[in-house]
Amino acid sequence: MIVGVQDVHYYVADMPRAVAFYRDVLGMQVLDSNEWWTSLECFGARIGLHWTGGGPVPPVAADEHGARHGATLTLRSTDLDADLEYLKRCGVNALGRSDNPWGRLAAIRDPDGNVLKLMQPPSRT
């Protein structure tokens, strides 16, 4: 019987670098880690990093809207502009951003080229 979601994970070529990004830049908490796998807690969700064994992570086709295949982790933001400014100071470049009636979005890449998104839902007035 399926009882829940265990995790969502990304492949990474350099585990220490990836852990530093997800922990120090994105603020996730490391739950457990070894050479091949790191589990992080992200606001109640478990995010995994799976080591490639040192090989490159296959490139993910993306544009200003985000990844063109595969899954994407989308993080909720209360202030997209401030979060993008912070990420820029941390060396992260946005692939693109858009303002929509249903929310504001920005797509970014982690150090291994995996695509993530930030979304700020519309304000309720």
PDB file of N, CA and C in Angstrom:
ATOM      1  N   MET A   1       0.841  -1.182   0.000  1.00  0.00           N
ATOM      2  CA  MET A   1       0.000   0.000   0.000  1.00  0.00           C
ATOM      3  C   MET A   1       0.885   1.243   0.000  1.00  0.00           C
ATOM      4  N   ILE A   2       0.602   2.171  -0.878  1.00  0.00           N
ATOM      5  CA  ILE A   2       1.322   3.444  -0.911  1.00  0.00           C
ATOM      6  C   ILE A   2       0.747   4.324   0.194  1.00  0.00           C
ATOM      7  N   VAL A   3       1.660   4.883   1.017  1.00  0.00           N
ATOM      8  CA  VAL A   3       1.191   5.654   2.171  1.00  0.00           C
ATOM      9  C   VAL A   3       1.706   7.095   2.193  1.00  0.00           C
ATOM     10  N   GLY A   4       2.493   7.485   1.218  1.00  0.00           N
ATOM     11  CA  GLY A   4       2.991   8.845   1.217  1.00  0.00           C
ATOM     12  C   GLY A   4       4.139   9.017   0.242  1.00  0.00           C
ATOM     13  N   VAL A   5       4.697  10.209   0.219  1.00  0.00           N
ATOM     14  CA  VAL A   5       5.852  10.525  -0.607  1.00  0.00           C
ATOM     15  C   VAL A   5       7.096  10.374   0.259  1.00  0.00           C
ATOM     16  N   GLN A   6       8.034   9.556  -0.172  1.00  0.00           N
ATOM     17  CA  GLN A   6       9.283   9.373   0.573  1.00  0.00           C
ATOM     18  C   GLN A   6      10.212  10.559   0.375  1.00  0.00           C
ATOM     19  N   ASP A   7      10.481  10.908  -0.874  1.00  0.00           N
ATOM     20  CA  ASP A   7      11.362  12.037  -1.162  1.00  0.00           C
ATOM     21  C   ASP A   7      11.268  12.402  -2.630  1.00  0.00           C
ATOM     22  N   VAL A   8      11.850  13.516  -2.959  1.00  0.00           N
ATOM     23  CA  VAL A   8      12.097  13.953  -4.327  1.00  0.00           C
ATOM     24  C   VAL A   8      13.603  14.184  -4.370  1.00  0.00           C
ATOM     25  N   HIS A   9      14.278  13.688  -5.411  1.00  0.00           N
ATOM     26  CA  HIS A   9      15.727  13.868  -5.398  1.00  0.00           C
ATOM     27  C   HIS A   9      16.286  14.344  -6.726  1.00  0.00           C
ATOM     28  N   TYR A  10      17.481  14.922  -6.618  1.00  0.00           N
ATOM     29  CA  TYR A  10      18.262  15.374  -7.759  1.00  0.00           C
ATOM     30  C   TYR A  10      19.588  14.625  -7.762  1.00  0.00           C
ATOM     31  N   TYR A  11      20.146  14.381  -8.944  1.00  0.00           N
ATOM     32  CA  TYR A  11      21.485  13.828  -9.063  1.00  0.00           C
ATOM     33  C   TYR A  11      22.496  14.962  -8.990  1.00  0.00           C
ATOM     34  N   VAL A  12      23.613  14.689  -8.327  1.00  0.00           N
ATOM     35  CA  VAL A  12      24.670  15.686  -8.168  1.00  0.00           C
ATOM     36  C   VAL A  12      26.023  15.030  -8.418  1.00  0.00           C
ATOM     37  N   ALA A  13      26.959  15.780  -8.987  1.00  0.00           N
ATOM     38  CA  ALA A  13      28.294  15.256  -9.270  1.00  0.00           C
ATOM     39  C   ALA A  13      29.252  15.486  -8.112  1.00  0.00           C
ATOM     40  N   ASP A  14      29.005  16.514  -7.314  1.00  0.00           N
ATOM     41  CA  ASP A  14      29.885  16.875  -6.207  1.00  0.00           C
ATOM     42  C   ASP A  14      29.021  17.016  -4.957  1.00  0.00           C
ATOM     43  N   MET A  15      28.972  15.960  -4.139  1.00  0.00           N
ATOM     44  CA  MET A  15      28.085  15.945  -2.975  1.00  0.00           C
ATOM     45  C   MET A  15      28.374  17.083  -1.992  1.00  0.00           C
ATOM     46  N   PRO A  16      29.637  17.314  -1.576  1.00  0.00           N
ATOM     47  CA  PRO A  16      29.865  18.411  -0.627  1.00  0.00           C
ATOM     48  C   PRO A  16      29.400  19.772  -1.157  1.00  0.00           C
ATOM     49  N   ARG A  17      29.665  20.040  -2.433  1.00  0.00           N
ATOM     50  CA  ARG A  17      29.227  21.313  -3.026  1.00  0.00           C
ATOM     51  C   ARG A  17      27.708  21.405  -3.048  1.00  0.00           C
ATOM     52  N   ALA A  18      27.043  20.312  -3.425  1.00  0.00           N
ATOM     53  CA  ALA A  18      25.579  20.303  -3.478  1.00  0.00           C
ATOM     54  C   ALA A  18      24.975  20.477  -2.093  1.00  0.00           C
ATOM     55  N   VAL A  19      25.509  19.757  -1.108  1.00  0.00           N
ATOM     56  CA  VAL A  19      24.999  19.893   0.268  1.00  0.00           C
ATOM     57  C   VAL A  19      25.168  21.333   0.736  1.00  0.00           C
ATOM     58  N   ALA A  20      26.318  21.943   0.466  1.00  0.00           N
ATOM     59  CA  ALA A  20      26.542  23.336   0.875  1.00  0.00           C
ATOM     60  C   ALA A  20      25.500  24.258   0.248  1.00  0.00           C
ATOM     61  N   PHE A  21      25.168  24.047  -1.023  1.00  0.00           N
ATOM     62  CA  PHE A  21      24.177  24.887  -1.688  1.00  0.00           C
ATOM     63  C   PHE A  21      22.798  24.714  -1.058  1.00  0.00           C
ATOM     64  N   TYR A  22      22.337  23.486  -0.945  1.00  0.00           N
ATOM     65  CA  TYR A  22      20.983  23.246  -0.432  1.00  0.00           C
ATOM     66  C   TYR A  22      20.870  23.605   1.054  1.00  0.00           C
ATOM     67  N   ARG A  23      21.935  23.394   1.814  1.00  0.00           N
ATOM     68  CA  ARG A  23      21.916  23.703   3.246  1.00  0.00           C
ATOM     69  C   ARG A  23      22.158  25.191   3.486  1.00  0.00           C
ATOM     70  N   ASP A  24      23.263  25.716   2.958  1.00  0.00           N
ATOM     71  CA  ASP A  24      23.690  27.074   3.301  1.00  0.00           C
ATOM     72  C   ASP A  24      22.983  28.160   2.506  1.00  0.00           C
ATOM     73  N   VAL A  25      22.681  27.909   1.250  1.00  0.00           N
ATOM     74  CA  VAL A  25      22.035  28.922   0.410  1.00  0.00           C
ATOM     75  C   VAL A  25      20.515  28.821   0.504  1.00  0.00           C
ATOM     76  N   LEU A  26      19.981  27.603   0.373  1.00  0.00           N
ATOM     77  CA  LEU A  26      18.528  27.441   0.394  1.00  0.00           C
ATOM     78  C   LEU A  26      17.966  27.190   1.786  1.00  0.00           C
ATOM     79  N   GLY A  27      18.817  26.941   2.769  1.00  0.00           N
ATOM     80  CA  GLY A  27      18.365  26.829   4.154  1.00  0.00           C
ATOM     81  C   GLY A  27      17.753  25.497   4.548  1.00  0.00           C
ATOM     82  N   MET A  28      18.026  24.440   3.787  1.00  0.00           N
ATOM     83  CA  MET A  28      17.489  23.125   4.143  1.00  0.00           C
ATOM     84  C   MET A  28      18.337  22.503   5.246  1.00  0.00           C
ATOM     85  N   GLN A  29      17.731  21.624   6.017  1.00  0.00           N
ATOM     86  CA  GLN A  29      18.417  20.959   7.122  1.00  0.00           C
ATOM     87  C   GLN A  29      18.820  19.550   6.697  1.00  0.00           C
ATOM     88  N   VAL A  30      20.106  19.220   6.897  1.00  0.00           N
ATOM     89  CA  VAL A  30      20.585  17.878   6.565  1.00  0.00           C
ATOM     90  C   VAL A  30      20.049  16.901   7.610  1.00  0.00           C
ATOM     91  N   LEU A  31      19.392  15.848   7.143  1.00  0.00           N
ATOM     92  CA  LEU A  31      18.860  14.811   8.027  1.00  0.00           C
ATOM     93  C   LEU A  31      19.847  13.655   8.169  1.00  0.00           C
ATOM     94  N   ASP A  32      20.421  13.230   7.062  1.00  0.00           N
ATOM     95  CA  ASP A  32      21.447  12.195   7.077  1.00  0.00           C
ATOM     96  C   ASP A  32      22.227  12.287   5.781  1.00  0.00           C
ATOM     97  N   SER A  33      23.449  11.786   5.810  1.00  0.00           N
ATOM     98  CA  SER A  33      24.300  11.920   4.641  1.00  0.00           C
ATOM     99  C   SER A  33      25.349  10.824   4.621  1.00  0.00           C
ATOM    100  N   ASN A  34      25.651  10.350   3.416  1.00  0.00           N
ATOM    101  CA  ASN A  34      26.784   9.466   3.210  1.00  0.00           C
ATOM    102  C   ASN A  34      27.353   9.790   1.834  1.00  0.00           C
ATOM    103  N   GLU A  35      28.289   8.984   1.378  1.00  0.00           N
ATOM    104  CA  GLU A  35      28.956   9.266   0.107  1.00  0.00           C
ATOM    105  C   GLU A  35      27.973   9.353  -1.065  1.00  0.00           C
ATOM    106  N   TRP A  36      26.928   8.529  -1.074  1.00  0.00           N
ATOM    107  CA  TRP A  36      26.024   8.422  -2.210  1.00  0.00           C
ATOM    108  C   TRP A  36      24.708   9.173  -2.053  1.00  0.00           C
ATOM    109  N   TRP A  37      24.334   9.524  -0.831  1.00  0.00           N
ATOM    110  CA  TRP A  37      22.989  10.060  -0.616  1.00  0.00           C
ATOM    111  C   TRP A  37      22.979  11.056   0.536  1.00  0.00           C
ATOM    112  N   THR A  38      22.262  12.136   0.359  1.00  0.00           N
ATOM    113  CA  THR A  38      21.991  13.079   1.438  1.00  0.00           C
ATOM    114  C   THR A  38      20.508  13.370   1.445  1.00  0.00           C
ATOM    115  N   SER A  39      19.901  13.271   2.625  1.00  0.00           N
ATOM    116  CA  SER A  39      18.499  13.653   2.812  1.00  0.00           C
ATOM    117  C   SER A  39      18.461  14.998   3.507  1.00  0.00           C
ATOM    118  N   LEU A  40      17.608  15.872   2.991  1.00  0.00           N
ATOM    119  CA  LEU A  40      17.434  17.198   3.583  1.00  0.00           C
ATOM    120  C   LEU A  40      15.959  17.413   3.872  1.00  0.00           C
ATOM    121  N   GLU A  41      15.688  18.207   4.887  1.00  0.00           N
ATOM    122  CA  GLU A  41      14.315  18.571   5.233  1.00  0.00           C
ATOM    123  C   GLU A  41      14.059  19.969   4.704  1.00  0.00           C
ATOM    124  N   CYS A  42      12.958  20.119   3.993  1.00  0.00           N
ATOM    125  CA  CYS A  42      12.590  21.406   3.407  1.00  0.00           C
ATOM    126  C   CYS A  42      11.116  21.664   3.697  1.00  0.00           C
ATOM    127  N   PHE A  43      10.849  22.340   4.813  1.00  0.00           N
ATOM    128  CA  PHE A  43       9.481  22.705   5.175  1.00  0.00           C
ATOM    129  C   PHE A  43       8.539  21.509   5.158  1.00  0.00           C
ATOM    130  N   GLY A  44       8.992  20.403   5.740  1.00  0.00           N
ATOM    131  CA  GLY A  44       8.165  19.213   5.850  1.00  0.00           C
ATOM    132  C   GLY A  44       8.321  18.215   4.715  1.00  0.00           C
ATOM    133  N   ALA A  45       9.014  18.592   3.663  1.00  0.00           N
ATOM    134  CA  ALA A  45       9.266  17.675   2.551  1.00  0.00           C
ATOM    135  C   ALA A  45      10.706  17.166   2.643  1.00  0.00           C
ATOM    136  N   ARG A  46      10.916  15.933   2.215  1.00  0.00           N
ATOM    137  CA  ARG A  46      12.263  15.360   2.197  1.00  0.00           C
ATOM    138  C   ARG A  46      12.814  15.491   0.783  1.00  0.00           C
ATOM    139  N   ILE A  47      13.979  16.138   0.690  1.00  0.00           N
ATOM    140  CA  ILE A  47      14.664  16.337  -0.580  1.00  0.00           C
ATOM    141  C   ILE A  47      15.930  15.493  -0.543  1.00  0.00           C
ATOM    142  N   GLY A  48      16.199  14.756  -1.599  1.00  0.00           N
ATOM    143  CA  GLY A  48      17.378  13.923  -1.655  1.00  0.00           C
ATOM    144  C   GLY A  48      18.372  14.401  -2.690  1.00  0.00           C
ATOM    145  N   LEU A  49      19.641  14.169  -2.387  1.00  0.00           N
ATOM    146  CA  LEU A  49      20.714  14.403  -3.333  1.00  0.00           C
ATOM    147  C   LEU A  49      21.396  13.064  -3.562  1.00  0.00           C
ATOM    148  N   HIS A  50      21.439  12.607  -4.803  1.00  0.00           N
ATOM    149  CA  HIS A  50      22.006  11.304  -5.146  1.00  0.00           C
ATOM    150  C   HIS A  50      23.278  11.537  -5.956  1.00  0.00           C
ATOM    151  N   TRP A  51      24.399  11.047  -5.441  1.00  0.00           N
ATOM    152  CA  TRP A  51      25.686  11.241  -6.094  1.00  0.00           C
ATOM    153  C   TRP A  51      25.777  10.416  -7.365  1.00  0.00           C
ATOM    154  N   THR A  52      26.351  10.987  -8.403  1.00  0.00           N
ATOM    155  CA  THR A  52      26.512  10.292  -9.681  1.00  0.00           C
ATOM    156  C   THR A  52      27.743   9.404  -9.697  1.00  0.00           C
ATOM    157  N   GLY A  53      28.518   9.408  -8.634  1.00  0.00           N
ATOM    158  CA  GLY A  53      29.786   8.697  -8.634  1.00  0.00           C
ATOM    159  C   GLY A  53      30.897   9.556  -9.200  1.00  0.00           C
ATOM    160  N   GLY A  54      30.620  10.834  -9.359  1.00  0.00           N
ATOM    161  CA  GLY A  54      31.603  11.774  -9.880  1.00  0.00           C
ATOM    162  C   GLY A  54      31.403  12.112 -11.334  1.00  0.00           C
ATOM    163  N   GLY A  55      30.564  11.344 -12.024  1.00  0.00           N
ATOM    164  CA  GLY A  55      30.274  11.656 -13.417  1.00  0.00           C
ATOM    165  C   GLY A  55      29.391  12.888 -13.521  1.00  0.00           C
ATOM    166  N   PRO A  56      29.341  13.487 -14.692  1.00  0.00           N
ATOM    167  CA  PRO A  56      28.513  14.687 -14.854  1.00  0.00           C
ATOM    168  C   PRO A  56      27.020  14.368 -14.746  1.00  0.00           C
ATOM    169  N   VAL A  57      26.283  15.340 -14.296  1.00  0.00           N
ATOM    170  CA  VAL A  57      24.826  15.240 -14.283  1.00  0.00           C
ATOM    171  C   VAL A  57      24.360  15.544 -15.710  1.00  0.00           C
ATOM    172  N   PRO A  58      23.546  14.677 -16.309  1.00  0.00           N
ATOM    173  CA  PRO A  58      23.076  14.965 -17.670  1.00  0.00           C
ATOM    174  C   PRO A  58      22.397  16.329 -17.724  1.00  0.00           C
ATOM    175  N   PRO A  59      22.684  17.094 -18.761  1.00  0.00           N
ATOM    176  CA  PRO A  59      22.094  18.427 -18.852  1.00  0.00           C
ATOM    177  C   PRO A  59      20.572  18.380 -18.941  1.00  0.00           C
ATOM    178  N   VAL A  60      19.954  19.353 -18.315  1.00  0.00           N
ATOM    179  CA  VAL A  60      18.500  19.503 -18.339  1.00  0.00           C
ATOM    180  C   VAL A  60      18.179  20.690 -19.242  1.00  0.00           C
ATOM    181  N   ALA A  61      17.458  20.429 -20.305  1.00  0.00           N
ATOM    182  CA  ALA A  61      17.045  21.522 -21.184  1.00  0.00           C
ATOM    183  C   ALA A  61      16.108  22.436 -20.416  1.00  0.00           C
ATOM    184  N   ALA A  62      16.376  23.731 -20.484  1.00  0.00           N
ATOM    185  CA  ALA A  62      15.563  24.700 -19.738  1.00  0.00           C
ATOM    186  C   ALA A  62      15.543  26.025 -20.487  1.00  0.00           C
ATOM    187  N   ASP A  63      14.532  26.801 -20.191  1.00  0.00           N
ATOM    188  CA  ASP A  63      14.457  28.161 -20.689  1.00  0.00           C
ATOM    189  C   ASP A  63      13.993  29.049 -19.535  1.00  0.00           C
ATOM    190  N   GLU A  64      13.552  30.249 -19.840  1.00  0.00           N
ATOM    191  CA  GLU A  64      13.166  31.183 -18.774  1.00  0.00           C
ATOM    192  C   GLU A  64      11.985  30.697 -17.936  1.00  0.00           C
ATOM    193  N   HIS A  65      11.262  29.694 -18.419  1.00  0.00           N
ATOM    194  CA  HIS A  65      10.132  29.134 -17.679  1.00  0.00           C
ATOM    195  C   HIS A  65      10.527  27.942 -16.827  1.00  0.00           C
ATOM    196  N   GLY A  66      11.758  27.441 -16.992  1.00  0.00           N
ATOM    197  CA  GLY A  66      12.226  26.318 -16.201  1.00  0.00           C
ATOM    198  C   GLY A  66      12.577  25.118 -17.057  1.00  0.00           C
ATOM    199  N   ALA A  67      12.610  23.951 -16.407  1.00  0.00           N
ATOM    200  CA  ALA A  67      13.015  22.710 -17.070  1.00  0.00           C
ATOM    201  C   ALA A  67      12.006  22.316 -18.136  1.00  0.00           C
ATOM    202  N   ARG A  68      12.507  21.711 -19.191  1.00  0.00           N
ATOM    203  CA  ARG A  68      11.662  21.255 -20.292  1.00  0.00           C
ATOM    204  C   ARG A  68      11.373  19.771 -20.213  1.00  0.00           C
ATOM    205  N   HIS A  69      11.936  19.070 -19.220  1.00  0.00           N
ATOM    206  CA  HIS A  69      11.615  17.663 -18.990  1.00  0.00           C
ATOM    207  C   HIS A  69      11.967  17.321 -17.546  1.00  0.00           C
ATOM    208  N   GLY A  70      11.409  16.247 -17.069  1.00  0.00           N
ATOM    209  CA  GLY A  70      11.661  15.836 -15.694  1.00  0.00           C
ATOM    210  C   GLY A  70      10.853  16.663 -14.707  1.00  0.00           C
ATOM    211  N   ALA A  71      11.071  16.398 -13.453  1.00  0.00           N
ATOM    212  CA  ALA A  71      10.360  17.105 -12.387  1.00  0.00           C
ATOM    213  C   ALA A  71      11.148  18.339 -11.954  1.00  0.00           C
ATOM    214  N   THR A  72      10.479  19.262 -11.316  1.00  0.00           N
ATOM    215  CA  THR A  72      11.105  20.475 -10.810  1.00  0.00           C
ATOM    216  C   THR A  72      10.643  20.728  -9.388  1.00  0.00           C
ATOM    217  N   LEU A  73      11.566  20.956  -8.490  1.00  0.00           N
ATOM    218  CA  LEU A  73      11.241  21.364  -7.130  1.00  0.00           C
ATOM    219  C   LEU A  73      10.908  22.850  -7.165  1.00  0.00           C
ATOM    220  N   THR A  74       9.707  23.210  -6.712  1.00  0.00           N
ATOM    221  CA  THR A  74       9.289  24.608  -6.659  1.00  0.00           C
ATOM    222  C   THR A  74       9.178  25.019  -5.203  1.00  0.00           C
ATOM    223  N   LEU A  75       9.944  26.043  -4.824  1.00  0.00           N
ATOM    224  CA  LEU A  75       9.949  26.560  -3.462  1.00  0.00           C
ATOM    225  C   LEU A  75       9.047  27.779  -3.384  1.00  0.00           C
ATOM    226  N   ARG A  76       8.208  27.855  -2.359  1.00  0.00           N
ATOM    227  CA  ARG A  76       7.290  28.981  -2.193  1.00  0.00           C
ATOM    228  C   ARG A  76       8.037  30.159  -1.586  1.00  0.00           C
ATOM    229  N   SER A  77       7.777  31.331  -2.110  1.00  0.00           N
ATOM    230  CA  SER A  77       8.408  32.570  -1.664  1.00  0.00           C
ATOM    231  C   SER A  77       7.337  33.565  -1.231  1.00  0.00           C
ATOM    232  N   THR A  78       7.662  34.368  -0.237  1.00  0.00           N
ATOM    233  CA  THR A  78       6.777  35.468   0.142  1.00  0.00           C
ATOM    234  C   THR A  78       7.248  36.786  -0.459  1.00  0.00           C
ATOM    235  N   ASP A  79       8.492  36.818  -0.976  1.00  0.00           N
ATOM    236  CA  ASP A  79       9.054  38.022  -1.591  1.00  0.00           C
ATOM    237  C   ASP A  79      10.049  37.588  -2.660  1.00  0.00           C
ATOM    238  N   LEU A  80       9.560  37.361  -3.860  1.00  0.00           N
ATOM    239  CA  LEU A  80      10.383  36.846  -4.956  1.00  0.00           C
ATOM    240  C   LEU A  80      11.563  37.763  -5.254  1.00  0.00           C
ATOM    241  N   ASP A  81      11.333  39.074  -5.253  1.00  0.00           N
ATOM    242  CA  ASP A  81      12.423  40.010  -5.563  1.00  0.00           C
ATOM    243  C   ASP A  81      13.548  39.895  -4.539  1.00  0.00           C
ATOM    244  N   ALA A  82      13.208  39.861  -3.265  1.00  0.00           N
ATOM    245  CA  ALA A  82      14.234  39.751  -2.216  1.00  0.00           C
ATOM    246  C   ALA A  82      14.948  38.410  -2.299  1.00  0.00           C
ATOM    247  N   ASP A  83      14.214  37.339  -2.553  1.00  0.00           N
ATOM    248  CA  ASP A  83      14.845  36.029  -2.659  1.00  0.00           C
ATOM    249  C   ASP A  83      15.784  35.968  -3.860  1.00  0.00           C
ATOM    250  N   LEU A  84      15.397  36.528  -4.986  1.00  0.00           N
ATOM    251  CA  LEU A  84      16.274  36.540  -6.152  1.00  0.00           C
ATOM    252  C   LEU A  84      17.515  37.388  -5.912  1.00  0.00           C
ATOM    253  N   GLU A  85      17.374  38.490  -5.213  1.00  0.00           N
ATOM    254  CA  GLU A  85      18.527  39.329  -4.881  1.00  0.00           C
ATOM    255  C   GLU A  85      19.494  38.560  -3.976  1.00  0.00           C
ATOM    256  N   TYR A  86      18.967  37.880  -2.977  1.00  0.00           N
ATOM    257  CA  TYR A  86      19.797  37.045  -2.094  1.00  0.00           C
ATOM    258  C   TYR A  86      20.519  35.964  -2.898  1.00  0.00           C
ATOM    259  N   LEU A  87      19.787  35.246  -3.760  1.00  0.00           N
ATOM    260  CA  LEU A  87      20.403  34.190  -4.554  1.00  0.00           C
ATOM    261  C   LEU A  87      21.472  34.749  -5.485  1.00  0.00           C
ATOM    262  N   LYS A  88      21.244  35.926  -6.037  1.00  0.00           N
ATOM    263  CA  LYS A  88      22.240  36.570  -6.895  1.00  0.00           C
ATOM    264  C   LYS A  88      23.515  36.846  -6.095  1.00  0.00           C
ATOM    265  N   ARG A  89      23.375  37.333  -4.862  1.00  0.00           N
ATOM    266  CA  ARG A  89      24.545  37.567  -4.012  1.00  0.00           C
ATOM    267  C   ARG A  89      25.291  36.267  -3.709  1.00  0.00           C
ATOM    268  N   CYS A  90      24.576  35.143  -3.736  1.00  0.00           N
ATOM    269  CA  CYS A  90      25.175  33.823  -3.505  1.00  0.00           C
ATOM    270  C   CYS A  90      25.736  33.206  -4.777  1.00  0.00           C
ATOM    271  N   GLY A  91      25.670  33.941  -5.884  1.00  0.00           N
ATOM    272  CA  GLY A  91      26.232  33.457  -7.138  1.00  0.00           C
ATOM    273  C   GLY A  91      25.274  32.674  -8.015  1.00  0.00           C
ATOM    274  N   VAL A  92      23.995  32.659  -7.668  1.00  0.00           N
ATOM    275  CA  VAL A  92      22.995  31.925  -8.447  1.00  0.00           C
ATOM    276  C   VAL A  92      22.391  32.869  -9.481  1.00  0.00           C
ATOM    277  N   ASN A  93      22.311  32.402 -10.718  1.00  0.00           N
ATOM    278  CA  ASN A  93      21.694  33.187 -11.780  1.00  0.00           C
ATOM    279  C   ASN A  93      20.296  32.665 -12.061  1.00  0.00           C
ATOM    280  N   ALA A  94      19.369  33.572 -12.248  1.00  0.00           N
ATOM    281  CA  ALA A  94      18.007  33.192 -12.625  1.00  0.00           C
ATOM    282  C   ALA A  94      17.983  32.905 -14.122  1.00  0.00           C
ATOM    283  N   LEU A  95      17.305  31.832 -14.491  1.00  0.00           N
ATOM    284  CA  LEU A  95      17.100  31.527 -15.904  1.00  0.00           C
ATOM    285  C   LEU A  95      16.071  32.473 -16.499  1.00  0.00           C
ATOM    286  N   GLY A  96      15.124  32.874 -15.668  1.00  0.00           N
ATOM    287  CA  GLY A  96      14.065  33.774 -16.111  1.00  0.00           C
ATOM    288  C   GLY A  96      13.039  33.922 -15.026  1.00  0.00           C
ATOM    289  N   ARG A  97      12.117  34.833 -15.247  1.00  0.00           N
ATOM    290  CA  ARG A  97      11.043  35.072 -14.286  1.00  0.00           C
ATOM    291  C   ARG A  97       9.824  35.567 -15.024  1.00  0.00           C
ATOM    292  N   SER A  98       8.692  35.400 -14.394  1.00  0.00           N
ATOM    293  CA  SER A  98       7.458  35.877 -15.005  1.00  0.00           C
ATOM    294  C   SER A  98       6.473  36.268 -13.915  1.00  0.00           C
ATOM    295  N   ASP A  99       5.676  37.256 -14.236  1.00  0.00           N
ATOM    296  CA  ASP A  99       4.593  37.699 -13.360  1.00  0.00           C
ATOM    297  C   ASP A  99       3.290  37.304 -14.034  1.00  0.00           C
ATOM    298  N   ASN A 100       2.481  36.531 -13.323  1.00  0.00           N
ATOM    299  CA  ASN A 100       1.257  35.974 -13.875  1.00  0.00           C
ATOM    300  C   ASN A 100       0.100  36.251 -12.921  1.00  0.00           C
ATOM    301  N   PRO A 101      -1.125  36.198 -13.386  1.00  0.00           N
ATOM    302  CA  PRO A 101      -2.262  36.403 -12.483  1.00  0.00           C
ATOM    303  C   PRO A 101      -2.289  35.382 -11.341  1.00  0.00           C
ATOM    304  N   TRP A 102      -1.746  34.196 -11.572  1.00  0.00           N
ATOM    305  CA  TRP A 102      -1.780  33.125 -10.578  1.00  0.00           C
ATOM    306  C   TRP A 102      -0.517  33.056  -9.727  1.00  0.00           C
ATOM    307  N   GLY A 103       0.462  33.967  -9.990  1.00  0.00           N
ATOM    308  CA  GLY A 103       1.660  34.017  -9.165  1.00  0.00           C
ATOM    309  C   GLY A 103       2.884  34.457  -9.944  1.00  0.00           C
ATOM    310  N   ARG A 104       3.930  34.783  -9.193  1.00  0.00           N
ATOM    311  CA  ARG A 104       5.199  35.194  -9.775  1.00  0.00           C
ATOM    312  C   ARG A 104       6.155  34.013  -9.709  1.00  0.00           C
ATOM    313  N   LEU A 105       6.892  33.756 -10.783  1.00  0.00           N
ATOM    314  CA  LEU A 105       7.792  32.615 -10.857  1.00  0.00           C
ATOM    315  C   LEU A 105       9.191  33.050 -11.260  1.00  0.00           C
ATOM    316  N   ALA A 106      10.167  32.305 -10.780  1.00  0.00           N
ATOM    317  CA  ALA A 106      11.546  32.446 -11.241  1.00  0.00           C
ATOM    318  C   ALA A 106      12.153  31.052 -11.300  1.00  0.00           C
ATOM    319  N   ALA A 107      12.930  30.797 -12.344  1.00  0.00           N
ATOM    320  CA  ALA A 107      13.634  29.524 -12.490  1.00  0.00           C
ATOM    321  C   ALA A 107      15.118  29.766 -12.263  1.00  0.00           C
ATOM    322  N   ILE A 108      15.774  28.844 -11.534  1.00  0.00           N
ATOM    323  CA  ILE A 108      17.201  28.923 -11.245  1.00  0.00           C
ATOM    324  C   ILE A 108      17.821  27.545 -11.468  1.00  0.00           C
ATOM    325  N   ARG A 109      19.139  27.480 -11.457  1.00  0.00           N
ATOM    326  CA  ARG A 109      19.865  26.213 -11.512  1.00  0.00           C
ATOM    327  C   ARG A 109      20.713  26.069 -10.253  1.00  0.00           C
ATOM    328  N   ASP A 110      20.823  24.816  -9.769  1.00  0.00           N
ATOM    329  CA  ASP A 110      21.750  24.542  -8.680  1.00  0.00           C
ATOM    330  C   ASP A 110      23.150  24.383  -9.279  1.00  0.00           C
ATOM    331  N   PRO A 111      24.183  24.180  -8.463  1.00  0.00           N
ATOM    332  CA  PRO A 111      25.547  24.081  -9.005  1.00  0.00           C
ATOM    333  C   PRO A 111      25.759  22.939  -9.999  1.00  0.00           C
ATOM    334  N   ASP A 112      24.889  21.920  -9.997  1.00  0.00           N
ATOM    335  CA  ASP A 112      25.010  20.815 -10.940  1.00  0.00           C
ATOM    336  C   ASP A 112      24.131  20.992 -12.172  1.00  0.00           C
ATOM    337  N   GLY A 113      23.437  22.116 -12.284  1.00  0.00           N
ATOM    338  CA  GLY A 113      22.600  22.381 -13.445  1.00  0.00           C
ATOM    339  C   GLY A 113      21.159  21.947 -13.304  1.00  0.00           C
ATOM    340  N   ASN A 114      20.798  21.367 -12.150  1.00  0.00           N
ATOM    341  CA  ASN A 114      19.401  21.002 -11.919  1.00  0.00           C
ATOM    342  C   ASN A 114      18.553  22.262 -11.799  1.00  0.00           C
ATOM    343  N   VAL A 115      17.354  22.209 -12.335  1.00  0.00           N
ATOM    344  CA  VAL A 115      16.471  23.372 -12.342  1.00  0.00           C
ATOM    345  C   VAL A 115      15.534  23.328 -11.136  1.00  0.00           C
ATOM    346  N   LEU A 116      15.412  24.466 -10.458  1.00  0.00           N
ATOM    347  CA  LEU A 116      14.460  24.669  -9.372  1.00  0.00           C
ATOM    348  C   LEU A 116      13.668  25.922  -9.708  1.00  0.00           C
ATOM    349  N   LYS A 117      12.523  26.070  -9.076  1.00  0.00           N
ATOM    350  CA  LYS A 117      11.729  27.281  -9.256  1.00  0.00           C
ATOM    351  C   LYS A 117      11.393  27.892  -7.903  1.00  0.00           C
ATOM    352  N   LEU A 118      11.167  29.168  -7.927  1.00  0.00           N
ATOM    353  CA  LEU A 118      10.592  29.896  -6.801  1.00  0.00           C
ATOM    354  C   LEU A 118       9.239  30.411  -7.264  1.00  0.00           C
ATOM    355  N   MET A 119       8.238  30.341  -6.399  1.00  0.00           N
ATOM    356  CA  MET A 119       6.924  30.869  -6.747  1.00  0.00           C
ATOM    357  C   MET A 119       6.397  31.706  -5.592  1.00  0.00           C
ATOM    358  N   GLN A 120       5.939  32.896  -5.924  1.00  0.00           N
ATOM    359  CA  GLN A 120       5.257  33.754  -4.971  1.00  0.00           C
ATOM    360  C   GLN A 120       3.795  33.805  -5.386  1.00  0.00           C
ATOM    361  N   PRO A 121       2.918  33.161  -4.602  1.00  0.00           N
ATOM    362  CA  PRO A 121       1.491  33.211  -4.940  1.00  0.00           C
ATOM    363  C   PRO A 121       0.986  34.651  -4.936  1.00  0.00           C
ATOM    364  N   PRO A 122      -0.098  34.914  -5.635  1.00  0.00           N
ATOM    365  CA  PRO A 122      -0.625  36.282  -5.644  1.00  0.00           C
ATOM    366  C   PRO A 122      -1.092  36.680  -4.249  1.00  0.00           C
ATOM    367  N   SER A 123      -0.969  37.981  -3.962  1.00  0.00           N
ATOM    368  CA  SER A 123      -1.442  38.457  -2.661  1.00  0.00           C
ATOM    369  C   SER A 123      -2.964  38.425  -2.638  1.00  0.00           C
ATOM    370  N   ARG A 124      -3.493  38.093  -1.521  1.00  0.00           N
ATOM    371  CA  ARG A 124      -4.952  38.033  -1.351  1.00  0.00           C
ATOM    372  C   ARG A 124      -5.427  39.371  -0.813  1.00  0.00           C
ATOM    373  N   THR A 125      -6.122  40.094  -1.660  1.00  0.00           N
ATOM    374  CA  THR A 125      -6.601  41.416  -1.233  1.00  0.00           C
ATOM    375  C   THR A 125      -8.087  41.442  -1.087  1.00  0.00           C
TER     376      THR A 125
END
